[in-house]
Amino acid sequence: MKVHYGVENIEIKCPIVTIGSFDGVHLGHACVIQHLKEKAASIDGESVIISFEPHPREVLYPREQKIGILTTLEEKIAILEKYGVDHLIILKFTLEFAQQPYNDFVKKILIDKLRIKGLVVGYDHRFGKDRAGNFENLQELANEYGFFLEKEVVFEEDDVNVSSTKIRNALAVGDITTVNRFLGYSYSVTGEVVYGHHLGHKIGFPTANIQVSDERKLLPAIGVYAVKVIIEQEIFNGMLNIGIRPTVSNDGQVSCEVYIFDFNRDLYGKTITINFIDRIRGERKFNDIEELRAQLQKDKEKILKLLKS
């Protein structure tokens, strides 16, 4: 997959295009991508996704509580490449860009710069100023400029319409099963292992304290999780805690710490990836360190059984 930042000096053979944030690159997106690739193949053309950085809501609603993102740009690129997309075009999203009428976007970018042959849109996709670029208006432009326009049907999983919003909502309550089912893969976070307070060492569960690479990346709800840990392409089982560690700390800071089973290497300064498998329990305060240690041992045994199943 070729990644382009902007639309200058791009040469694409018979481009078939779809447009969107593609945050999460979930099963609904995968359905659109598959159709996009099929249409491109049918005319011996190339599939093109136009996406945006930063996420449009970050620009349009700066005072809104941080929306967060499901996939960083690096993650999005990696997933789209696995799906076999030919080209990804990243456009910088600004307030000025947001004020561009949809017909100007179609003419100046899709027609003049890319010379598209076709446009595939999601069932509810709109773009341009005031989101006026709906399917009916785009059909008029398709007729005018001579490209075909197709609308994807809604994608459902277990009779539920899959969307980035639904995935965010499931993530917010720690429903990793639903998150992963809607994504079609395990939700993950990547970050650098940094120095912590070494409290885990004192109770026999040494943890790696993770500083997530992109502060916009959404973390699941506070709690204990069964995870897979990827370290330099090796995969390990582990349990991860997201929370304020009320039994051993009173600073109120949310941390993300992983205990990797059967592992004793130095990880400080290394970048690791955490794949979330399931949520085991919420976080709670224990009466003392011994009670906490006993619970952690139970958590470990439960996670080992879960990851072996």
Protein backbone atom coordinates (compact mmCIF):
# COMPACT_ATOMS: atom_id res chain seq x y z
CA MET A 1 0.00 0.00 0.00
CA LYS A 2 1.25 3.44 -0.90
CA VAL A 3 0.64 6.19 1.67
CA HIS A 4 0.30 9.77 0.42
CA TYR A 5 0.16 12.90 2.57
CA GLY A 6 -1.86 15.25 0.40
CA VAL A 7 -2.91 14.93 -3.24
CA GLU A 8 -0.12 16.64 -5.12
CA ASN A 9 1.70 14.72 -7.86
CA ILE A 10 -0.21 11.47 -7.37
CA GLU A 11 -0.45 8.96 -10.20
CA ILE A 12 -3.15 6.34 -9.65
CA LYS A 13 -4.54 4.02 -12.29
CA CYS A 14 -8.33 4.31 -12.65
CA PRO A 15 -8.87 5.22 -8.98
CA ILE A 16 -11.93 3.92 -7.14
CA VAL A 17 -12.25 5.97 -3.95
CA THR A 18 -13.92 5.89 -0.57
CA ILE A 19 -13.71 8.63 2.06
CA GLY A 20 -13.87 8.59 5.85
CA SER A 21 -12.12 8.72 9.19
CA PHE A 22 -11.95 4.91 9.38
CA ASP A 23 -11.32 5.14 13.12
CA GLY A 24 -11.00 1.60 14.40
CA VAL A 25 -11.15 0.09 10.91
CA HIS A 26 -13.98 -2.15 12.11
CA LEU A 27 -16.08 -4.81 10.34
CA GLY A 28 -18.33 -2.17 8.79
CA HIS A 29 -15.27 -0.50 7.28
CA ALA A 30 -13.99 -3.89 6.13
CA CYS A 31 -17.22 -4.42 4.20
CA VAL A 32 -16.78 -1.08 2.41
CA ILE A 33 -13.12 -1.86 1.69
CA GLN A 34 -13.95 -5.26 0.20
CA HIS A 35 -16.51 -3.69 -2.12
CA LEU A 36 -14.04 -0.94 -3.01
CA LYS A 37 -11.41 -3.52 -4.00
CA GLU A 38 -13.90 -5.53 -6.04
CA LYS A 39 -15.01 -2.47 -7.99
CA ALA A 40 -11.40 -1.45 -8.63
CA ALA A 41 -10.52 -4.96 -9.84
CA SER A 42 -13.53 -4.99 -12.17
CA ILE A 43 -12.09 -2.08 -14.20
CA ASP A 44 -8.42 -2.97 -13.71
CA GLY A 45 -8.11 0.06 -11.42
CA GLU A 46 -6.71 0.75 -7.95
CA SER A 47 -8.45 1.11 -4.59
CA VAL A 48 -8.02 4.41 -2.77
CA ILE A 49 -9.01 5.45 0.75
CA ILE A 50 -9.02 9.14 1.67
CA SER A 51 -8.79 9.68 5.42
CA PHE A 52 -8.04 12.55 7.76
CA GLU A 53 -5.60 13.52 10.48
CA PRO A 54 -6.41 14.62 13.11
CA HIS A 55 -9.87 13.13 13.65
CA PRO A 56 -12.45 15.70 12.42
CA ARG A 57 -14.22 15.87 15.78
CA GLU A 58 -11.02 17.06 17.44
CA VAL A 59 -11.06 20.09 15.15
CA LEU A 60 -14.78 20.76 14.90
CA TYR A 61 -15.56 20.38 18.62
CA PRO A 62 -12.41 21.46 20.52
CA ARG A 63 -14.35 22.18 23.74
CA GLU A 64 -16.01 18.80 23.76
CA GLN A 65 -14.72 16.23 26.22
CA LYS A 66 -11.84 14.46 24.51
CA ILE A 67 -13.37 12.04 22.05
CA GLY A 68 -10.25 9.91 21.84
CA ILE A 69 -9.31 7.64 18.97
CA LEU A 70 -9.57 3.89 18.50
CA THR A 71 -6.63 3.70 16.10
CA THR A 72 -3.56 5.89 15.82
CA LEU A 73 -2.45 6.83 12.33
CA GLU A 74 0.28 4.18 12.46
CA GLU A 75 -2.23 1.51 13.49
CA LYS A 76 -4.69 2.59 10.80
CA ILE A 77 -2.00 2.35 8.13
CA ALA A 78 -0.99 -1.14 9.30
CA ILE A 79 -4.58 -2.46 9.34
CA LEU A 80 -5.48 -1.01 5.94
CA GLU A 81 -2.35 -2.52 4.48
CA LYS A 82 -3.43 -5.94 5.77
CA TYR A 83 -6.78 -5.43 4.02
CA GLY A 84 -4.94 -4.99 0.73
CA VAL A 85 -5.81 -1.37 -0.05
CA ASP A 86 -3.68 0.04 -2.89
CA HIS A 87 -3.48 3.68 -1.77
CA LEU A 88 -4.15 5.63 1.42
CA ILE A 89 -4.32 9.41 1.14
CA ILE A 90 -4.06 11.35 4.40
CA LEU A 91 -5.49 14.86 4.31
CA LYS A 92 -4.81 17.32 7.10
CA PHE A 93 -8.15 18.25 8.69
CA THR A 94 -8.43 21.92 9.64
CA LEU A 95 -11.27 24.37 10.23
CA GLU A 96 -10.57 25.86 6.81
CA PHE A 97 -10.77 22.43 5.23
CA ALA A 98 -14.05 21.76 7.06
CA GLN A 99 -15.60 24.89 5.50
CA GLN A 100 -15.02 23.59 1.98
CA PRO A 101 -18.34 22.81 0.23
CA TYR A 102 -18.72 19.20 -0.84
CA ASN A 103 -18.95 20.11 -4.53
CA ASP A 104 -15.63 22.02 -4.32
CA PHE A 105 -14.02 18.97 -2.69
CA VAL A 106 -15.30 16.71 -5.44
CA LYS A 107 -14.16 19.04 -8.23
CA LYS A 108 -10.80 20.18 -6.85
CA ILE A 109 -9.61 16.93 -5.27
CA LEU A 110 -11.51 13.95 -6.64
CA ILE A 111 -11.77 15.15 -10.24
CA ASP A 112 -8.91 17.60 -10.87
CA LYS A 113 -6.25 15.91 -8.74
CA LEU A 114 -7.20 12.22 -8.71
CA ARG A 115 -9.39 11.84 -11.82
CA ILE A 116 -11.51 9.23 -10.10
CA LYS A 117 -13.55 6.63 -11.96
CA GLY A 118 -15.80 5.74 -9.06
CA LEU A 119 -16.78 6.64 -5.50
CA VAL A 120 -18.00 4.16 -2.88
CA VAL A 121 -19.65 5.66 0.22
CA GLY A 122 -20.97 4.23 3.46
CA TYR A 123 -24.71 3.98 3.98
CA ASP A 124 -24.86 7.18 6.07
CA HIS A 125 -21.76 9.00 4.85
CA ARG A 126 -21.83 12.78 4.44
CA PHE A 127 -18.99 15.23 3.97
CA GLY A 128 -18.21 18.85 3.15
CA LYS A 129 -19.45 22.03 4.83
CA ASP A 130 -22.51 21.36 7.01
CA ARG A 131 -22.19 17.71 5.92
CA ALA A 132 -24.18 18.59 2.82
CA GLY A 133 -22.47 16.00 0.64
CA ASN A 134 -25.10 13.27 0.92
CA PHE A 135 -25.72 10.47 -1.56
CA GLU A 136 -28.34 12.35 -3.57
CA ASN A 137 -26.16 15.44 -4.01
CA LEU A 138 -23.14 13.33 -4.87
CA GLN A 139 -25.18 11.48 -7.51
CA GLU A 140 -25.75 14.77 -9.33
CA LEU A 141 -21.99 15.39 -9.38
CA ALA A 142 -21.34 11.82 -10.51
CA ASN A 143 -23.61 12.40 -13.48
CA GLU A 144 -21.93 15.74 -14.22
CA TYR A 145 -18.34 14.52 -14.03
CA GLY A 146 -18.80 10.98 -15.32
CA PHE A 147 -17.87 8.75 -12.39
CA PHE A 148 -20.01 6.02 -10.88
CA LEU A 149 -21.34 6.27 -7.33
CA GLU A 150 -22.29 3.38 -5.08
CA LYS A 151 -23.66 3.26 -1.55
CA GLU A 152 -22.75 0.43 0.81
CA VAL A 153 -25.53 -1.17 2.82
CA VAL A 154 -25.40 -1.08 6.61
CA PHE A 155 -23.21 -3.78 8.13
CA GLU A 156 -24.61 -5.67 11.12
CA GLU A 157 -23.03 -8.11 13.57
CA ASP A 158 -25.56 -10.16 15.55
CA ASP A 159 -28.30 -7.80 14.31
CA VAL A 160 -26.41 -4.76 15.62
CA ASN A 161 -25.22 -1.97 13.36
CA VAL A 162 -21.44 -1.80 13.82
CA SER A 163 -20.04 1.71 14.30
CA SER A 164 -17.05 3.44 15.87
CA THR A 165 -19.39 5.03 18.42
CA LYS A 166 -20.69 1.64 19.58
CA ILE A 167 -17.12 0.39 19.91
CA ARG A 168 -16.18 3.45 22.00
CA ASN A 169 -19.19 2.86 24.24
CA ALA A 170 -18.27 -0.80 24.75
CA LEU A 171 -14.66 0.16 25.48
CA ALA A 172 -15.82 2.69 28.09
CA VAL A 173 -17.44 -0.09 30.15
CA GLY A 174 -14.68 -2.63 29.56
CA ASP A 175 -16.75 -4.86 27.27
CA ILE A 176 -13.73 -6.14 25.36
CA THR A 177 -15.66 -9.10 23.93
CA THR A 178 -17.97 -6.74 22.05
CA VAL A 179 -15.12 -4.42 21.09
CA ASN A 180 -13.11 -7.24 19.54
CA ARG A 181 -16.14 -8.77 17.84
CA PHE A 182 -17.02 -5.46 16.16
CA LEU A 183 -13.42 -4.76 15.19
CA GLY A 184 -12.69 -8.23 13.85
CA TYR A 185 -9.37 -8.25 15.72
CA SER A 186 -8.07 -7.62 19.25
CA TYR A 187 -8.06 -4.03 20.47
CA SER A 188 -4.54 -2.91 21.29
CA VAL A 189 -2.43 -0.13 22.74
CA THR A 190 1.25 0.51 22.11
CA GLY A 191 3.61 2.37 24.39
CA GLU A 192 7.01 2.69 25.94
CA VAL A 193 7.90 0.94 29.18
CA VAL A 194 8.84 3.63 31.70
CA TYR A 195 9.97 3.66 35.33
CA GLY A 196 7.21 3.31 37.89
CA HIS A 197 7.14 2.92 41.68
CA HIS A 198 8.28 -0.72 41.70
CA LEU A 199 5.31 -1.60 43.90
CA GLY A 200 4.60 -4.77 41.94
CA HIS A 201 8.06 -6.13 42.70
CA LYS A 202 7.37 -5.89 46.42
CA ILE A 203 4.36 -8.20 46.24
CA GLY A 204 5.72 -10.71 43.73
CA PHE A 205 3.99 -9.35 40.63
CA PRO A 206 6.51 -7.08 38.87
CA THR A 207 4.80 -4.97 36.27
CA ALA A 208 5.88 -2.95 33.26
CA ASN A 209 4.49 0.59 33.44
CA ILE A 210 3.32 1.65 29.98
CA GLN A 211 3.29 5.20 28.66
CA VAL A 212 0.89 5.03 25.72
CA SER A 213 2.45 6.42 22.54
CA ASP A 214 -0.50 8.65 21.56
CA GLU A 215 -2.32 10.42 24.40
CA ARG A 216 -5.48 10.48 22.27
CA LYS A 217 -5.63 6.68 22.23
CA LEU A 218 -8.62 5.37 24.18
CA LEU A 219 -8.00 2.97 27.04
CA PRO A 220 -10.62 0.48 28.20
CA ALA A 221 -12.46 1.04 31.48
CA ILE A 222 -10.56 0.76 34.75
CA GLY A 223 -10.05 -2.89 35.69
CA VAL A 224 -7.97 -6.04 35.27
CA TYR A 225 -7.59 -7.60 31.82
CA ALA A 226 -6.32 -10.79 30.21
CA VAL A 227 -3.89 -9.68 27.51
CA LYS A 228 -1.35 -10.80 24.97
CA VAL A 229 1.90 -8.83 25.06
CA ILE A 230 3.95 -8.35 21.90
CA ILE A 231 7.63 -7.66 22.53
CA GLU A 232 9.91 -7.49 19.49
CA GLN A 233 7.56 -9.86 17.58
CA GLU A 234 7.40 -12.36 20.46
CA ILE A 235 4.01 -12.95 22.09
CA PHE A 236 3.54 -13.51 25.84
CA ASN A 237 0.52 -13.98 28.11
CA GLY A 238 -0.12 -11.40 30.77
CA MET A 239 -2.55 -9.51 32.97
CA LEU A 240 -2.91 -5.78 32.81
CA ASN A 241 -4.31 -3.32 35.30
CA ILE A 242 -5.74 0.05 34.34
CA GLY A 243 -6.51 2.15 37.39
CA ILE A 244 -5.36 4.18 40.35
CA ARG A 245 -4.06 1.23 42.45
CA PRO A 246 -6.03 2.24 45.56
CA THR A 247 -4.45 -0.39 47.83
CA VAL A 248 -0.86 0.73 47.28
CA SER A 249 -1.14 4.35 46.08
CA ASN A 250 -3.11 7.48 46.93
CA ASP A 251 -1.95 9.82 44.16
CA GLY A 252 -5.13 9.27 42.11
CA GLN A 253 -3.18 8.92 38.86
CA VAL A 254 -4.46 6.36 36.37
CA SER A 255 -1.72 3.95 35.33
CA CYS A 256 -1.48 1.19 32.76
CA GLU A 257 0.66 -1.68 34.05
CA VAL A 258 1.16 -5.20 32.73
CA TYR A 259 2.45 -8.28 34.52
CA ILE A 260 3.94 -10.61 31.90
CA PHE A 261 3.85 -14.28 32.82
CA ASP A 262 7.16 -16.19 32.86
CA PHE A 263 9.18 -13.16 31.84
CA ASN A 264 12.17 -11.52 33.53
CA ARG A 265 13.89 -9.36 30.89
CA ASP A 266 14.66 -5.66 31.23
CA LEU A 267 12.04 -3.73 29.26
CA TYR A 268 12.76 -0.13 30.24
CA GLY A 269 12.76 2.10 27.19
CA LYS A 270 11.33 -0.59 24.91
CA THR A 271 8.09 -0.24 22.97
CA ILE A 272 5.54 -3.00 23.52
CA THR A 273 2.02 -3.68 22.26
CA ILE A 274 -0.85 -4.95 24.39
CA ASN A 275 -3.70 -6.92 22.79
CA PHE A 276 -6.79 -6.98 25.01
CA ILE A 277 -8.53 -10.37 25.25
CA ASP A 278 -11.07 -10.00 28.08
CA ARG A 279 -11.87 -8.05 31.25
CA ILE A 280 -11.54 -10.12 34.42
CA ARG A 281 -12.84 -7.74 37.06
CA GLY A 282 -13.05 -4.12 38.13
CA GLU A 283 -10.54 -2.40 40.36
CA ARG A 284 -11.14 -2.32 44.12
CA LYS A 285 -9.29 -1.44 47.30
CA PHE A 286 -8.09 -4.35 49.44
CA ASN A 287 -7.62 -4.33 53.21
CA ASP A 288 -3.89 -5.01 52.98
CA ILE A 289 -1.07 -6.15 50.70
CA GLU A 290 -1.60 -9.83 51.52
CA GLU A 291 -5.22 -9.69 50.44
CA LEU A 292 -4.16 -7.94 47.21
CA ARG A 293 -1.46 -10.55 46.56
CA ALA A 294 -3.97 -13.38 47.03
CA GLN A 295 -6.39 -11.78 44.60
CA LEU A 296 -3.66 -11.24 42.00
CA GLN A 297 -2.78 -14.93 42.20
CA LYS A 298 -6.45 -15.82 41.59
CA ASP A 299 -6.53 -13.37 38.67
CA LYS A 300 -3.43 -14.96 37.16
CA GLU A 301 -4.87 -18.48 37.42
CA LYS A 302 -8.14 -17.35 35.86
CA ILE A 303 -6.35 -15.59 33.01
CA LEU A 304 -4.11 -18.58 32.29
CA LYS A 305 -7.19 -20.80 31.95
CA LEU A 306 -8.91 -18.24 29.76
CA LEU A 307 -5.94 -17.79 27.43
CA LYS A 308 -5.49 -21.56 27.07
CA SER A 309 -9.13 -22.13 26.12
